[in-house]
Every structure is written in C-alpha cells, then in structure tokens.
Amino acid sequence: DLLGLDQVRKVSLPMDILPNQAIWIDQSMPMIGIASEEEYEVALAKRLQKLSEMEYPILVLFTSRKSMMAVSDLLDHREVRHLTQEKNGTAFNVKKRFDRGETNLLGMGSFWEGVDFAQQDRVIEVIARLPFDNPKDPFYQKIESWFSKQGKSTFDSYSLPMTVLRFKQAIGRAQRRPEQRSAILLMDNRPLVKSYGKLFLKEVTQEVALKHAKFEEVKEDIQDFLEQESQLFKTNLF
C-alpha cells in the first residue's frame, strides 16, 4: 500500500521451528501502561540480576534511551557487571567488548536490526518491551495521516506488522550459526492480554517455539534450555 502497488504477487515459503532458539514471555512483569516507568524498570533490573547469576552472556534490547540508562543505574547499584551503549562507549565499542566475553550488554538502535551476535555459543536476549513506533515521530505521523485518508487503521496496517518484523529481526541477531543456542525473554506481557496478541503470537511462533510463565519458572526453563545439546524446544503453547 505504501509503495502504491495495486497488484502484488505473494510467495509463501515453508517454515520449520528453529531447534536452537526459543522465546519466553514473563507474565509476572508489571503491565506496561498500568505500572509506572519506575516500577517497570525496577522489576526489569531485579530479573536481570537473577539472570546474571546463570553466568551466560545477556543482551538487553531497549526502545528508550531513558529507560536503558535508568536500568543501567539500578544494575550499578546492585553491582551487576554490564556495559551500556553510550554510557560505556559507542555501539561499536561495547559490542566489541561484549564479543570478547567481558560482560553483559544493554543497547538499542542498531542492535535491533543491524548487528549480529555470532560469537556467543549460548546467549540470553532480553527484550525490554515490544518495538512499537513512537507516535510522536514525524515519519510515523506522516504514515498515520496517509492511512487515515485511506480510511484504514494505521495500527493494523502498519504499526503492528512493523513491530512483528522488528521483533523477528531482533531475535535473529542472536541466531547466526546452526550450533548457536539463544534464549529470548520478552519482558512485555501485553501480547497475552491485548487484542492484537493472538496475531502477534501467531506470526512469531511460525519459526520459534514460545512459552509464557512467571519469572522463576522462566528462569529455570532457560537454564535447562541452554544446558541442553541442540534439540527442538518442545513446548509451543500457541
């Protein structure tokens, strides 16, 4: 629609569930939009501290610089070793140090779609929240204006599909080699309760198995998953 094409030929390719990657949704996280930003950041920092005890490299992706810095400060207070984009260097520098095995990494921007994490045999990728467009962004407002004139929903026609695409790109950053094993933890539990959740989950689980549970169960599952040899993660609830 955005390109002005009236006729598009679509080709569907068969997909198999990736055997060495799985997704968990932490259903016990505070609900975005109900809890305050501070409550959410504290809950996230507490979980990152517990995940760090497993001693696997952790990549945390943020959509907000303010939130990333706040969580980084909380981790500093809890003495959890980590690198933060901009705070500890440029994206290139902190990525290089992370690949050398220095510590955990908090990042945003290019880490969502332009950087591969292929050095880690086992990695935990934490997604702080779904990468929806900022409604104040001028480009998004332009898109919204165009869809409004067409009598279409910007959210259904553009925002949600783009969010799914960005999410898939993000989890693909941590699955670059056949023998690599990556556990994806989504801290945003809105797909479990929002009307768009079924569509989001349907799209995501075409290639990756997914499970939702409270954090303590999730943590145990991730530990077991990363300790296994390459084999299919069996639990796919959707």
Protein backbone atom coordinates (compact mmCIF):
# COMPACT_ATOMS: atom_id res chain seq x y z
CA ASP A 1 0.00 0.00 0.00
CA LEU A 2 2.74 2.47 0.94
CA LEU A 3 4.52 1.89 -2.38
CA GLY A 4 1.34 2.48 -4.33
CA LEU A 5 1.22 -1.02 -5.80
CA ASP A 6 -2.24 -2.24 -6.74
CA GLN A 7 -1.17 -5.80 -7.50
CA VAL A 8 1.39 -7.78 -5.53
CA ARG A 9 2.36 -11.42 -6.04
CA LYS A 10 2.97 -13.10 -2.70
CA VAL A 11 5.04 -16.24 -2.28
CA SER A 12 4.87 -18.29 0.93
CA LEU A 13 7.85 -20.41 1.89
CA PRO A 14 7.56 -23.39 4.24
CA MET A 15 8.99 -22.76 7.71
CA ASP A 16 10.36 -25.09 10.34
CA ILE A 17 10.62 -24.38 14.05
CA LEU A 18 14.19 -23.34 14.84
CA PRO A 19 15.65 -26.05 17.11
CA ASN A 20 18.15 -23.88 18.98
CA GLN A 21 16.09 -20.82 19.77
CA ALA A 22 13.05 -20.35 21.99
CA ILE A 23 11.01 -17.47 23.38
CA TRP A 24 9.59 -16.94 26.85
CA ILE A 25 7.19 -14.19 27.93
CA ASP A 26 7.45 -13.18 31.58
CA GLN A 27 3.78 -12.98 32.55
CA SER A 28 4.65 -11.74 36.04
CA MET A 29 6.17 -8.44 34.87
CA PRO A 30 4.21 -5.26 35.69
CA MET A 31 1.82 -4.36 32.87
CA ILE A 32 3.06 -1.59 30.60
CA GLY A 33 0.60 1.28 30.62
CA ILE A 34 -0.61 0.46 34.12
CA ALA A 35 2.58 0.31 36.18
CA SER A 36 4.80 3.40 36.32
CA GLU A 37 8.04 3.55 34.34
CA GLU A 38 9.97 3.37 37.62
CA GLU A 39 8.15 0.21 38.76
CA TYR A 40 8.79 -1.41 35.42
CA GLU A 41 12.49 -0.53 35.44
CA VAL A 42 12.97 -1.83 38.99
CA ALA A 43 11.24 -5.12 38.09
CA LEU A 44 13.42 -5.46 35.00
CA ALA A 45 16.63 -4.76 36.92
CA LYS A 46 15.72 -7.37 39.56
CA ARG A 47 15.20 -10.00 36.87
CA LEU A 48 18.41 -9.11 35.06
CA GLN A 49 20.30 -9.51 38.34
CA LYS A 50 18.87 -13.01 38.78
CA LEU A 51 19.57 -13.94 35.15
CA SER A 52 23.18 -12.79 35.52
CA GLU A 53 23.67 -15.44 38.22
CA MET A 54 23.48 -18.10 35.49
CA GLU A 55 26.70 -16.62 34.03
CA TYR A 56 25.57 -16.68 30.41
CA PRO A 57 26.10 -13.56 28.29
CA ILE A 58 22.98 -11.37 28.33
CA LEU A 59 22.00 -8.92 25.61
CA VAL A 60 19.23 -6.50 26.65
CA LEU A 61 17.43 -4.50 23.95
CA PHE A 62 15.64 -1.25 24.77
CA THR A 63 13.43 1.07 22.73
CA SER A 64 14.03 4.02 25.08
CA ARG A 65 17.38 5.59 25.96
CA LYS A 66 15.92 6.98 29.20
CA SER A 67 14.76 3.54 30.31
CA MET A 68 18.06 1.93 29.31
CA MET A 69 20.04 4.41 31.40
CA ALA A 70 17.69 4.04 34.37
CA VAL A 71 18.03 0.24 34.35
CA SER A 72 21.80 0.58 33.96
CA ASP A 73 21.95 2.79 37.07
CA LEU A 74 19.88 0.25 39.01
CA LEU A 75 22.24 -2.55 37.93
CA ASP A 76 25.22 -0.45 39.02
CA HIS A 77 23.59 -0.08 42.43
CA ARG A 78 23.11 -3.85 42.59
CA GLU A 79 26.73 -4.40 41.47
CA VAL A 80 25.72 -6.33 38.36
CA ARG A 81 28.53 -6.08 35.80
CA HIS A 82 27.36 -4.80 32.41
CA LEU A 83 28.12 -2.49 29.51
CA THR A 84 25.69 0.19 28.38
CA GLN A 85 25.65 1.79 24.95
CA GLU A 86 26.70 5.49 25.13
CA LYS A 87 27.42 5.21 28.85
CA ASN A 88 30.42 2.90 28.34
CA GLY A 89 31.23 3.69 24.73
CA THR A 90 29.78 3.70 21.24
CA ALA A 91 27.64 0.84 19.94
CA PHE A 92 30.67 -0.48 18.05
CA ASN A 93 32.96 -0.41 21.09
CA VAL A 94 30.58 -2.03 23.58
CA LYS A 95 29.64 -4.69 21.01
CA LYS A 96 33.33 -5.50 20.52
CA ARG A 97 33.87 -5.84 24.26
CA PHE A 98 30.74 -7.99 24.60
CA ASP A 99 32.00 -10.30 21.85
CA ARG A 100 35.26 -10.70 23.78
CA GLY A 101 33.21 -12.05 26.66
CA GLU A 102 33.69 -9.12 29.02
CA THR A 103 30.20 -8.82 30.44
CA ASN A 104 26.50 -8.25 29.71
CA LEU A 105 25.29 -5.59 27.28
CA LEU A 106 22.46 -3.05 27.29
CA GLY A 107 21.75 -1.47 23.92
CA MET A 108 19.22 -0.05 21.49
CA GLY A 109 19.08 1.40 17.98
CA SER A 110 21.26 -0.58 15.57
CA PHE A 111 21.33 -3.58 17.91
CA TRP A 112 17.73 -4.29 16.90
CA GLU A 113 18.43 -4.92 13.24
CA GLY A 114 21.96 -4.13 12.08
CA VAL A 115 24.32 -6.08 14.34
CA ASP A 116 24.95 -9.82 14.53
CA PHE A 117 25.88 -11.63 17.73
CA ALA A 118 27.60 -14.72 16.42
CA GLN A 119 30.49 -15.08 18.90
CA GLN A 120 28.44 -16.42 21.80
CA ASP A 121 27.69 -20.16 21.79
CA ARG A 122 24.97 -19.58 24.39
CA VAL A 123 23.23 -16.25 24.88
CA ILE A 124 20.18 -14.80 26.64
CA GLU A 125 18.49 -11.99 24.74
CA VAL A 126 16.13 -9.89 26.83
CA ILE A 127 13.67 -7.61 25.03
CA ALA A 128 12.52 -4.92 27.45
CA ARG A 129 9.36 -4.07 25.52
CA LEU A 130 7.83 -4.52 22.08
CA PRO A 131 9.36 -2.16 19.50
CA PHE A 132 6.25 -0.19 18.59
CA ASP A 133 6.66 3.09 16.70
CA ASN A 134 6.81 6.30 18.68
CA PRO A 135 3.51 8.06 17.84
CA LYS A 136 5.31 11.42 18.12
CA ASP A 137 7.83 10.51 15.44
CA PRO A 138 7.31 12.74 12.35
CA PHE A 139 7.65 9.82 9.95
CA TYR A 140 5.04 7.81 11.83
CA GLN A 141 2.70 10.80 11.88
CA LYS A 142 3.11 11.08 8.11
CA ILE A 143 2.25 7.41 7.70
CA GLU A 144 -0.73 7.79 10.05
CA SER A 145 -2.02 10.72 8.02
CA TRP A 146 -1.79 8.70 4.80
CA PHE A 147 -3.67 5.69 6.23
CA SER A 148 -6.28 7.97 7.77
CA LYS A 149 -7.04 9.42 4.34
CA GLN A 150 -7.44 5.85 3.06
CA GLY A 151 -9.89 5.08 5.85
CA LYS A 152 -7.56 2.42 7.27
CA SER A 153 -6.20 1.70 10.73
CA THR A 154 -2.54 2.71 10.99
CA PHE A 155 -2.04 0.28 13.84
CA ASP A 156 -3.40 -2.76 11.97
CA SER A 157 -1.98 -1.87 8.56
CA TYR A 158 1.44 -0.57 9.55
CA SER A 159 2.39 -0.39 13.24
CA LEU A 160 1.67 -3.98 14.25
CA PRO A 161 3.21 -5.60 11.13
CA MET A 162 6.33 -3.44 11.55
CA THR A 163 6.56 -4.36 15.23
CA VAL A 164 6.42 -8.06 14.36
CA LEU A 165 9.12 -7.52 11.72
CA ARG A 166 11.40 -5.64 14.13
CA PHE A 167 10.89 -8.30 16.79
CA LYS A 168 11.84 -11.07 14.34
CA GLN A 169 14.87 -9.07 13.23
CA ALA A 170 15.91 -8.62 16.86
CA ILE A 171 15.74 -12.29 17.79
CA GLY A 172 17.56 -13.14 14.57
CA ARG A 173 20.57 -11.18 15.83
CA ALA A 174 21.27 -13.96 18.33
CA GLN A 175 20.83 -16.93 15.99
CA ARG A 176 23.59 -16.63 13.40
CA ARG A 177 25.13 -20.12 13.49
CA PRO A 178 23.43 -23.55 13.41
CA GLU A 179 25.10 -24.63 16.66
CA GLN A 180 24.40 -21.35 18.46
CA ARG A 181 21.75 -21.55 21.17
CA SER A 182 19.75 -18.48 22.21
CA ALA A 183 17.00 -17.96 24.77
CA ILE A 184 14.75 -14.96 24.11
CA LEU A 185 12.97 -13.41 27.08
CA LEU A 186 10.25 -10.86 26.34
CA MET A 187 9.53 -8.74 29.40
CA ASP A 188 6.50 -7.13 27.78
CA ASN A 189 3.45 -9.30 28.53
CA ARG A 190 0.92 -7.27 26.53
CA PRO A 191 0.63 -9.99 23.81
CA LEU A 192 -1.02 -12.18 26.46
CA VAL A 193 -3.86 -9.76 27.17
CA LYS A 194 -4.21 -7.27 24.32
CA SER A 195 -6.48 -7.79 21.30
CA TYR A 196 -3.52 -7.82 18.92
CA GLY A 197 -1.79 -10.52 20.95
CA LYS A 198 -3.14 -13.53 19.05
CA LEU A 199 -1.91 -12.17 15.72
CA PHE A 200 1.48 -11.28 17.16
CA LEU A 201 1.93 -14.72 18.71
CA LYS A 202 0.75 -16.48 15.56
CA GLU A 203 3.32 -14.65 13.44
CA VAL A 204 6.20 -15.12 15.87
CA THR A 205 5.60 -18.83 16.55
CA GLN A 206 5.81 -19.78 12.88
CA GLU A 207 9.55 -20.21 13.36
CA VAL A 208 10.25 -20.13 17.10
CA ALA A 209 8.64 -22.04 19.95
CA LEU A 210 7.14 -19.86 22.65
CA LYS A 211 6.05 -20.27 26.25
CA HIS A 212 4.75 -17.89 28.91
CA ALA A 213 5.13 -18.31 32.67
CA LYS A 214 6.09 -16.48 35.85
CA PHE A 215 9.71 -15.41 36.06
CA GLU A 216 11.02 -18.10 38.41
CA GLU A 217 9.72 -20.83 36.12
CA VAL A 218 11.05 -18.99 33.09
CA LYS A 219 14.50 -18.74 34.68
CA GLU A 220 14.59 -22.50 35.32
CA ASP A 221 13.41 -23.24 31.78
CA ILE A 222 16.09 -21.02 30.28
CA GLN A 223 18.76 -22.65 32.40
CA ASP A 224 17.67 -26.12 31.23
CA PHE A 225 17.36 -24.98 27.61
CA LEU A 226 20.85 -23.51 27.44
CA GLU A 227 22.39 -26.55 29.08
CA GLN A 228 20.87 -28.93 26.53
CA GLU A 229 22.54 -30.12 23.38
CA SER A 230 20.96 -28.96 20.12
CA GLN A 231 17.44 -30.30 20.01
CA LEU A 232 13.95 -28.97 19.46
CA PHE A 233 12.41 -26.99 22.29
CA LYS A 234 9.23 -28.99 22.75
CA THR A 235 6.85 -26.52 24.40
CA ASN A 236 4.88 -24.42 21.96
CA LEU A 237 1.67 -23.22 23.57
CA PHE A 238 0.33 -21.24 20.66
